Amino acid sequence: MIFRRASAFCTPHPSFEGLILIRKTKSEPQSAEPKALEPVDPNALPDVARAALTALEDLKAEDVAVIDLAGKTSIADWMVIASGRSTTQVGAMADKVVRALKDIGAPTPSVEGLPACDWVLIDAGDVIVHLFRPEVRAFYNLEKMWGVDRPSEAR
């Protein structure tokens, strides 16, 4: 499952305005368009993912995507990917996410990449948050690795 910012082709769920759920079956090729669009069920997200999304919304993160990794890997159950317009914004988003996670009582997450702020990785256990500058995100294209398009590439 993948959550993306809403665009002209879908209606967002009112509880998480701007996000939609996209399901891809395992038999679809990586370049295939998602077949089904459904509203986001906020109860499907763990508290850590909701706290991270709220923090990212507060700081105007762009192209936010949430990927359900359950059953695909053992490293985490959810991956949040977002972009910031500058290294300053990426650093501020990382600080805000870490503070939000601490505020809900989650264990202190591991953070990598803060000195450069081109790509910051926040490992919060079952949720991994990747924060990028747009150029770096386009280069690494993590969404494609997990079988989906970046939100800005969705048709």
N, C-alpha and C. Protein backbone atom coordinates (compact mmCIF):
# COMPACT_ATOMS: atom_id res chain seq x y z
N MET A 1 0.83 -1.17 0.00
CA MET A 1 0.00 0.00 0.00
C MET A 1 0.88 1.24 0.00
N ILE A 2 0.44 2.24 -0.69
CA ILE A 2 1.19 3.48 -0.76
C ILE A 2 0.23 4.64 -0.52
N PHE A 3 0.63 5.58 0.31
CA PHE A 3 -0.15 6.78 0.52
C PHE A 3 0.54 7.90 -0.23
N ARG A 4 -0.22 8.70 -0.94
CA ARG A 4 0.36 9.82 -1.68
C ARG A 4 -0.47 11.06 -1.48
N ARG A 5 0.13 12.19 -1.80
CA ARG A 5 -0.63 13.44 -1.82
C ARG A 5 -1.72 13.31 -2.87
N ALA A 6 -2.84 13.88 -2.57
CA ALA A 6 -3.95 13.83 -3.52
C ALA A 6 -3.66 14.70 -4.72
N SER A 7 -4.17 14.30 -5.85
CA SER A 7 -4.06 15.10 -7.05
C SER A 7 -5.44 15.22 -7.66
N ALA A 8 -5.52 15.66 -8.88
CA ALA A 8 -6.80 15.91 -9.51
C ALA A 8 -7.61 14.64 -9.73
N PHE A 9 -6.99 13.46 -9.68
CA PHE A 9 -7.70 12.24 -10.01
C PHE A 9 -8.27 11.50 -8.80
N CYS A 10 -8.25 12.09 -7.61
CA CYS A 10 -8.78 11.38 -6.46
C CYS A 10 -9.32 12.34 -5.42
N THR A 11 -10.08 11.81 -4.49
CA THR A 11 -10.62 12.59 -3.39
C THR A 11 -9.97 12.12 -2.10
N PRO A 12 -9.32 13.02 -1.34
CA PRO A 12 -8.65 12.60 -0.12
C PRO A 12 -9.64 12.30 1.00
N HIS A 13 -9.21 11.46 1.92
CA HIS A 13 -9.99 11.17 3.12
C HIS A 13 -9.94 12.40 4.01
N PRO A 14 -11.05 12.83 4.63
CA PRO A 14 -11.04 14.06 5.41
C PRO A 14 -10.14 14.02 6.64
N SER A 15 -9.86 12.84 7.19
CA SER A 15 -9.02 12.77 8.38
C SER A 15 -7.55 13.04 8.08
N PHE A 16 -7.10 12.71 6.87
CA PHE A 16 -5.74 12.98 6.46
C PHE A 16 -5.81 13.68 5.12
N GLU A 17 -6.20 14.93 5.14
CA GLU A 17 -6.40 15.68 3.90
C GLU A 17 -5.13 15.65 3.07
N GLY A 18 -5.28 15.35 1.80
CA GLY A 18 -4.15 15.36 0.89
C GLY A 18 -3.48 14.01 0.70
N LEU A 19 -3.94 12.97 1.40
CA LEU A 19 -3.33 11.66 1.24
C LEU A 19 -4.35 10.68 0.70
N ILE A 20 -3.91 9.79 -0.16
CA ILE A 20 -4.75 8.71 -0.66
C ILE A 20 -4.00 7.40 -0.52
N LEU A 21 -4.71 6.32 -0.59
CA LEU A 21 -4.11 5.00 -0.50
C LEU A 21 -4.11 4.37 -1.88
N ILE A 22 -2.96 3.87 -2.29
CA ILE A 22 -2.84 3.19 -3.57
C ILE A 22 -2.37 1.78 -3.30
N ARG A 23 -3.10 0.80 -3.79
CA ARG A 23 -2.70 -0.59 -3.61
C ARG A 23 -2.19 -1.14 -4.93
N LYS A 24 -1.08 -1.83 -4.86
CA LYS A 24 -0.53 -2.50 -6.03
C LYS A 24 -0.47 -3.98 -5.72
N THR A 25 -0.85 -4.80 -6.66
CA THR A 25 -0.75 -6.23 -6.46
C THR A 25 0.67 -6.67 -6.80
N LYS A 26 1.07 -7.80 -6.28
CA LYS A 26 2.42 -8.30 -6.53
C LYS A 26 2.66 -8.66 -7.99
N SER A 27 1.61 -8.97 -8.72
CA SER A 27 1.79 -9.39 -10.11
C SER A 27 1.99 -8.22 -11.07
N GLU A 28 1.78 -6.98 -10.59
CA GLU A 28 1.95 -5.82 -11.47
C GLU A 28 3.41 -5.55 -11.73
N PRO A 29 3.78 -5.22 -12.97
CA PRO A 29 5.15 -4.79 -13.21
C PRO A 29 5.41 -3.45 -12.51
N GLN A 30 6.68 -3.16 -12.24
CA GLN A 30 7.02 -1.96 -11.49
C GLN A 30 6.57 -0.69 -12.18
N SER A 31 6.54 -0.65 -13.48
CA SER A 31 6.18 0.57 -14.18
C SER A 31 4.67 0.72 -14.37
N ALA A 32 3.89 -0.28 -13.97
CA ALA A 32 2.44 -0.22 -14.16
C ALA A 32 1.83 0.84 -13.26
N GLU A 33 0.75 1.44 -13.72
CA GLU A 33 0.01 2.41 -12.92
C GLU A 33 -0.76 1.66 -11.83
N PRO A 34 -0.94 2.28 -10.68
CA PRO A 34 -1.75 1.65 -9.64
C PRO A 34 -3.17 1.43 -10.14
N LYS A 35 -3.76 0.30 -9.72
CA LYS A 35 -5.08 -0.05 -10.24
C LYS A 35 -6.20 0.50 -9.39
N ALA A 36 -6.07 0.52 -8.08
CA ALA A 36 -7.17 0.92 -7.22
C ALA A 36 -6.77 2.06 -6.31
N LEU A 37 -7.65 3.03 -6.21
CA LEU A 37 -7.45 4.15 -5.30
C LEU A 37 -8.51 4.07 -4.23
N GLU A 38 -8.09 4.17 -2.98
CA GLU A 38 -9.02 4.12 -1.86
C GLU A 38 -8.69 5.25 -0.90
N PRO A 39 -9.67 5.71 -0.14
CA PRO A 39 -9.36 6.72 0.89
C PRO A 39 -8.45 6.12 1.96
N VAL A 40 -7.67 6.96 2.59
CA VAL A 40 -6.77 6.53 3.65
C VAL A 40 -7.59 6.18 4.89
N ASP A 41 -7.28 5.06 5.50
CA ASP A 41 -7.84 4.73 6.80
C ASP A 41 -6.80 5.13 7.83
N PRO A 42 -7.01 6.24 8.54
CA PRO A 42 -6.01 6.69 9.51
C PRO A 42 -5.69 5.65 10.57
N ASN A 43 -6.63 4.75 10.84
CA ASN A 43 -6.38 3.71 11.84
C ASN A 43 -5.38 2.67 11.35
N ALA A 44 -5.12 2.63 10.05
CA ALA A 44 -4.15 1.68 9.51
C ALA A 44 -2.72 2.11 9.80
N LEU A 45 -2.52 3.39 10.07
CA LEU A 45 -1.17 3.90 10.34
C LEU A 45 -0.85 3.81 11.82
N PRO A 46 0.37 3.40 12.16
CA PRO A 46 0.76 3.41 13.57
C PRO A 46 0.94 4.85 14.05
N ASP A 47 0.92 5.04 15.37
CA ASP A 47 1.05 6.37 15.96
C ASP A 47 2.33 7.07 15.50
N VAL A 48 3.41 6.31 15.36
CA VAL A 48 4.69 6.90 14.94
C VAL A 48 4.57 7.49 13.54
N ALA A 49 3.93 6.78 12.62
CA ALA A 49 3.75 7.28 11.25
C ALA A 49 2.84 8.50 11.24
N ARG A 50 1.77 8.47 12.03
CA ARG A 50 0.87 9.64 12.10
C ARG A 50 1.58 10.86 12.65
N ALA A 51 2.41 10.67 13.69
CA ALA A 51 3.16 11.79 14.27
C ALA A 51 4.15 12.36 13.25
N ALA A 52 4.82 11.49 12.52
CA ALA A 52 5.77 11.94 11.49
C ALA A 52 5.04 12.71 10.39
N LEU A 53 3.90 12.21 9.94
CA LEU A 53 3.14 12.90 8.89
C LEU A 53 2.64 14.25 9.35
N THR A 54 2.18 14.33 10.58
CA THR A 54 1.72 15.62 11.11
C THR A 54 2.86 16.63 11.17
N ALA A 55 4.03 16.18 11.63
CA ALA A 55 5.19 17.07 11.69
C ALA A 55 5.60 17.54 10.29
N LEU A 56 5.54 16.64 9.32
CA LEU A 56 5.91 17.00 7.95
C LEU A 56 4.89 17.97 7.35
N GLU A 57 3.61 17.76 7.64
CA GLU A 57 2.58 18.69 7.16
C GLU A 57 2.80 20.09 7.73
N ASP A 58 3.16 20.16 9.01
CA ASP A 58 3.38 21.45 9.67
C ASP A 58 4.48 22.25 8.99
N LEU A 59 5.48 21.57 8.46
CA LEU A 59 6.61 22.27 7.85
C LEU A 59 6.55 22.24 6.32
N LYS A 60 5.38 21.99 5.77
CA LYS A 60 5.13 22.09 4.32
C LYS A 60 6.01 21.15 3.49
N ALA A 61 6.15 19.92 3.95
CA ALA A 61 6.89 18.93 3.16
C ALA A 61 6.17 18.71 1.83
N GLU A 62 6.95 18.41 0.81
CA GLU A 62 6.40 18.22 -0.53
C GLU A 62 6.49 16.75 -0.93
N ASP A 63 5.59 16.33 -1.82
CA ASP A 63 5.59 14.97 -2.38
C ASP A 63 5.72 13.90 -1.31
N VAL A 64 4.85 13.96 -0.31
CA VAL A 64 4.89 12.99 0.78
C VAL A 64 4.31 11.66 0.29
N ALA A 65 5.03 10.58 0.54
CA ALA A 65 4.56 9.24 0.20
C ALA A 65 4.77 8.34 1.41
N VAL A 66 3.79 7.48 1.69
CA VAL A 66 3.90 6.50 2.76
C VAL A 66 3.71 5.14 2.13
N ILE A 67 4.68 4.27 2.30
CA ILE A 67 4.65 2.96 1.67
C ILE A 67 4.52 1.89 2.74
N ASP A 68 3.54 0.99 2.56
CA ASP A 68 3.35 -0.12 3.47
C ASP A 68 4.35 -1.22 3.08
N LEU A 69 5.29 -1.49 3.97
CA LEU A 69 6.33 -2.48 3.70
C LEU A 69 6.04 -3.84 4.32
N ALA A 70 4.94 -3.96 5.02
CA ALA A 70 4.62 -5.22 5.70
C ALA A 70 4.59 -6.35 4.68
N GLY A 71 5.32 -7.40 4.96
CA GLY A 71 5.38 -8.55 4.07
C GLY A 71 6.40 -8.43 2.96
N LYS A 72 6.98 -7.23 2.77
CA LYS A 72 7.98 -7.04 1.72
C LYS A 72 9.40 -7.08 2.26
N THR A 73 9.57 -6.69 3.51
CA THR A 73 10.89 -6.64 4.12
C THR A 73 10.76 -6.73 5.64
N SER A 74 11.85 -7.09 6.29
CA SER A 74 11.83 -7.16 7.75
C SER A 74 12.41 -5.91 8.39
N ILE A 75 12.88 -4.95 7.60
CA ILE A 75 13.51 -3.77 8.18
C ILE A 75 12.50 -2.81 8.82
N ALA A 76 11.28 -2.77 8.30
CA ALA A 76 10.25 -1.88 8.84
C ALA A 76 8.90 -2.27 8.25
N ASP A 77 7.84 -1.74 8.86
CA ASP A 77 6.49 -1.98 8.34
C ASP A 77 6.01 -0.82 7.47
N TRP A 78 6.55 0.37 7.69
CA TRP A 78 6.12 1.57 6.95
C TRP A 78 7.34 2.41 6.58
N MET A 79 7.27 3.05 5.44
CA MET A 79 8.30 3.99 5.02
C MET A 79 7.62 5.29 4.61
N VAL A 80 8.09 6.39 5.18
CA VAL A 80 7.60 7.72 4.84
C VAL A 80 8.70 8.41 4.05
N ILE A 81 8.34 8.97 2.89
CA ILE A 81 9.32 9.68 2.06
C ILE A 81 8.76 11.06 1.76
N ALA A 82 9.59 12.09 1.95
CA ALA A 82 9.14 13.46 1.71
C ALA A 82 10.31 14.29 1.21
N SER A 83 9.97 15.40 0.57
CA SER A 83 10.99 16.33 0.05
C SER A 83 10.85 17.69 0.71
N GLY A 84 12.01 18.35 0.84
CA GLY A 84 12.06 19.74 1.28
C GLY A 84 12.76 20.56 0.22
N ARG A 85 12.43 21.83 0.13
CA ARG A 85 12.97 22.68 -0.95
C ARG A 85 14.45 23.02 -0.77
N SER A 86 14.97 22.92 0.44
CA SER A 86 16.36 23.28 0.69
C SER A 86 16.93 22.42 1.81
N THR A 87 18.24 22.49 1.99
CA THR A 87 18.85 21.74 3.08
C THR A 87 18.35 22.26 4.43
N THR A 88 18.08 23.55 4.51
CA THR A 88 17.55 24.13 5.75
C THR A 88 16.18 23.54 6.08
N GLN A 89 15.31 23.44 5.08
CA GLN A 89 13.99 22.87 5.31
C GLN A 89 14.08 21.39 5.65
N VAL A 90 14.95 20.65 4.98
CA VAL A 90 15.11 19.22 5.26
C VAL A 90 15.58 19.04 6.71
N GLY A 91 16.53 19.84 7.15
CA GLY A 91 17.02 19.76 8.53
C GLY A 91 15.93 20.10 9.54
N ALA A 92 15.14 21.13 9.24
CA ALA A 92 14.04 21.52 10.12
C ALA A 92 12.98 20.43 10.19
N MET A 93 12.69 19.80 9.04
CA MET A 93 11.71 18.71 9.04
C MET A 93 12.21 17.54 9.88
N ALA A 94 13.48 17.22 9.77
CA ALA A 94 14.05 16.11 10.55
C ALA A 94 13.96 16.41 12.04
N ASP A 95 14.32 17.62 12.44
CA ASP A 95 14.23 17.99 13.86
C ASP A 95 12.79 17.90 14.36
N LYS A 96 11.85 18.38 13.55
CA LYS A 96 10.44 18.37 13.95
C LYS A 96 9.91 16.93 14.06
N VAL A 97 10.30 16.06 13.15
CA VAL A 97 9.86 14.66 13.21
C VAL A 97 10.41 14.00 14.46
N VAL A 98 11.69 14.20 14.75
CA VAL A 98 12.30 13.60 15.94
C VAL A 98 11.60 14.10 17.20
N ARG A 99 11.33 15.41 17.28
CA ARG A 99 10.63 15.96 18.45
C ARG A 99 9.22 15.39 18.57
N ALA A 100 8.53 15.26 17.43
CA ALA A 100 7.16 14.71 17.44
C ALA A 100 7.16 13.27 17.94
N LEU A 101 8.15 12.50 17.53
CA LEU A 101 8.23 11.11 17.98
C LEU A 101 8.51 11.02 19.47
N LYS A 102 9.37 11.89 19.96
CA LYS A 102 9.65 11.92 21.40
C LYS A 102 8.41 12.35 22.18
N ASP A 103 7.64 13.30 21.63
CA ASP A 103 6.44 13.80 22.30
C ASP A 103 5.37 12.73 22.49
N ILE A 104 5.30 11.76 21.58
CA ILE A 104 4.31 10.70 21.72
C ILE A 104 4.85 9.53 22.54
N GLY A 105 6.08 9.64 23.02
CA GLY A 105 6.65 8.61 23.87
C GLY A 105 7.36 7.50 23.13
N ALA A 106 7.60 7.68 21.85
CA ALA A 106 8.33 6.67 21.08
C ALA A 106 9.81 6.70 21.50
N PRO A 107 10.49 5.56 21.38
CA PRO A 107 11.92 5.55 21.68
C PRO A 107 12.67 6.55 20.78
N THR A 108 13.77 7.07 21.26
CA THR A 108 14.55 8.02 20.47
C THR A 108 15.01 7.36 19.17
N PRO A 109 14.63 7.95 18.03
CA PRO A 109 15.00 7.33 16.75
C PRO A 109 16.46 7.58 16.40
N SER A 110 17.01 6.72 15.56
CA SER A 110 18.35 6.92 15.01
C SER A 110 18.22 7.86 13.82
N VAL A 111 19.14 8.83 13.73
CA VAL A 111 19.09 9.82 12.66
C VAL A 111 20.43 9.83 11.95
N GLU A 112 20.40 9.75 10.62
CA GLU A 112 21.60 9.81 9.79
C GLU A 112 21.44 10.91 8.76
N GLY A 113 22.52 11.60 8.45
CA GLY A 113 22.52 12.57 7.36
C GLY A 113 22.24 14.01 7.76
N LEU A 114 22.16 14.30 9.06
CA LEU A 114 21.85 15.67 9.46
C LEU A 114 22.92 16.70 9.10
N PRO A 115 24.20 16.38 9.12
CA PRO A 115 25.18 17.43 8.79
C PRO A 115 24.99 18.02 7.39
N ALA A 116 24.72 17.19 6.39
CA ALA A 116 24.58 17.69 5.02
C ALA A 116 23.13 18.05 4.69
N CYS A 117 22.18 17.33 5.24
CA CYS A 117 20.74 17.55 5.02
C CYS A 117 20.32 17.43 3.56
N ASP A 118 21.05 16.66 2.77
CA ASP A 118 20.59 16.34 1.41
C ASP A 118 19.61 15.17 1.49
N TRP A 119 19.95 14.19 2.33
CA TRP A 119 19.11 13.02 2.56
C TRP A 119 19.24 12.70 4.03
N VAL A 120 18.15 12.82 4.76
CA VAL A 120 18.14 12.49 6.18
C VAL A 120 17.28 11.26 6.37
N LEU A 121 17.82 10.26 7.07
CA LEU A 121 17.09 9.04 7.36
C LEU A 121 16.81 8.99 8.85
N ILE A 122 15.55 8.78 9.20
CA ILE A 122 15.14 8.67 10.60
C ILE A 122 14.57 7.26 10.78
N ASP A 123 15.26 6.46 11.59
CA ASP A 123 14.83 5.08 11.84
C ASP A 123 14.10 5.05 13.18
N ALA A 124 12.78 4.92 13.10
CA ALA A 124 11.95 4.90 14.30
C ALA A 124 11.41 3.49 14.57
N GLY A 125 12.18 2.49 14.24
CA GLY A 125 11.75 1.12 14.47
C GLY A 125 10.91 0.59 13.32
N ASP A 126 9.60 0.52 13.53
CA ASP A 126 8.71 0.00 12.49
C ASP A 126 8.42 1.02 11.40
N VAL A 127 8.86 2.26 11.59
CA VAL A 127 8.65 3.32 10.59
C VAL A 127 10.00 3.94 10.26
N ILE A 128 10.29 4.03 8.97
CA ILE A 128 11.52 4.69 8.51
C ILE A 128 11.10 5.93 7.74
N VAL A 129 11.71 7.06 8.06
CA VAL A 129 11.38 8.32 7.39
C VAL A 129 12.60 8.77 6.59
N HIS A 130 12.40 9.00 5.29
CA HIS A 130 13.44 9.53 4.41
C HIS A 130 13.06 10.95 4.02
N LEU A 131 13.95 11.89 4.26
CA LEU A 131 13.71 13.29 3.88
C LEU A 131 14.80 13.70 2.90
N PHE A 132 14.38 14.25 1.76
CA PHE A 132 15.31 14.55 0.67
C PHE A 132 15.17 15.98 0.18
N ARG A 133 16.22 16.49 -0.43
CA ARG A 133 16.09 17.61 -1.36
C ARG A 133 15.59 16.99 -2.66
N PRO A 134 14.82 17.72 -3.48
CA PRO A 134 14.21 17.11 -4.68
C PRO A 134 15.21 16.46 -5.63
N GLU A 135 16.37 17.08 -5.83
CA GLU A 135 17.36 16.52 -6.77
C GLU A 135 17.90 15.19 -6.27
N VAL A 136 18.13 15.10 -4.97
CA VAL A 136 18.66 13.87 -4.38
C VAL A 136 17.60 12.78 -4.42
N ARG A 137 16.36 13.16 -4.16
CA ARG A 137 15.27 12.18 -4.21
C ARG A 137 15.11 11.62 -5.62
N ALA A 138 15.21 12.47 -6.62
CA ALA A 138 15.09 12.02 -8.01
C ALA A 138 16.23 11.07 -8.36
N PHE A 139 17.42 11.34 -7.83
CA PHE A 139 18.58 10.50 -8.13
C PHE A 139 18.42 9.10 -7.53
N TYR A 140 18.07 9.01 -6.25
CA TYR A 140 17.97 7.72 -5.59
C TYR A 140 16.66 6.99 -5.88
N ASN A 141 15.59 7.73 -6.09
CA ASN A 141 14.29 7.19 -6.52
C ASN A 141 13.88 5.94 -5.73
N LEU A 142 13.78 6.09 -4.41
CA LEU A 142 13.42 4.96 -3.54
C LEU A 142 12.06 4.38 -3.86
N GLU A 143 11.13 5.21 -4.30
CA GLU A 143 9.80 4.71 -4.63
C GLU A 143 9.86 3.65 -5.72
N LYS A 144 10.72 3.86 -6.70
CA LYS A 144 10.84 2.89 -7.79
C LYS A 144 11.39 1.56 -7.27
N MET A 145 12.30 1.63 -6.30
CA MET A 145 12.86 0.42 -5.72
C MET A 145 11.76 -0.41 -5.06
N TRP A 146 10.77 0.26 -4.50
CA TRP A 146 9.68 -0.44 -3.83
C TRP A 146 8.49 -0.65 -4.77
N GLY A 147 8.66 -0.36 -6.06
CA GLY A 147 7.65 -0.70 -7.05
C GLY A 147 6.57 0.33 -7.28
N VAL A 148 6.84 1.59 -6.98
CA VAL A 148 5.84 2.64 -7.19
C VAL A 148 6.51 3.87 -7.79
N ASP A 149 5.71 4.76 -8.37
CA ASP A 149 6.24 6.02 -8.89
C ASP A 149 6.26 7.06 -7.79
N ARG A 150 7.16 8.05 -7.95
CA ARG A 150 7.16 9.18 -7.05
C ARG A 150 5.86 9.94 -7.22
N PRO A 151 5.35 10.63 -6.18
CA PRO A 151 4.08 11.34 -6.31
C PRO A 151 4.06 12.34 -7.45
N SER A 152 5.16 13.00 -7.72
CA SER A 152 5.20 13.99 -8.80
C SER A 152 5.17 13.34 -10.17
N GLU A 153 5.44 12.02 -10.24
CA GLU A 153 5.43 11.32 -11.52
C GLU A 153 4.11 10.61 -11.79
N ALA A 154 3.23 10.57 -10.78
CA ALA A 154 1.95 9.87 -10.95
C ALA A 154 1.11 10.59 -12.00
N ARG A 155 0.42 9.80 -12.79
CA ARG A 155 -0.40 10.39 -13.87
C ARG A 155 -1.80 10.62 -13.43
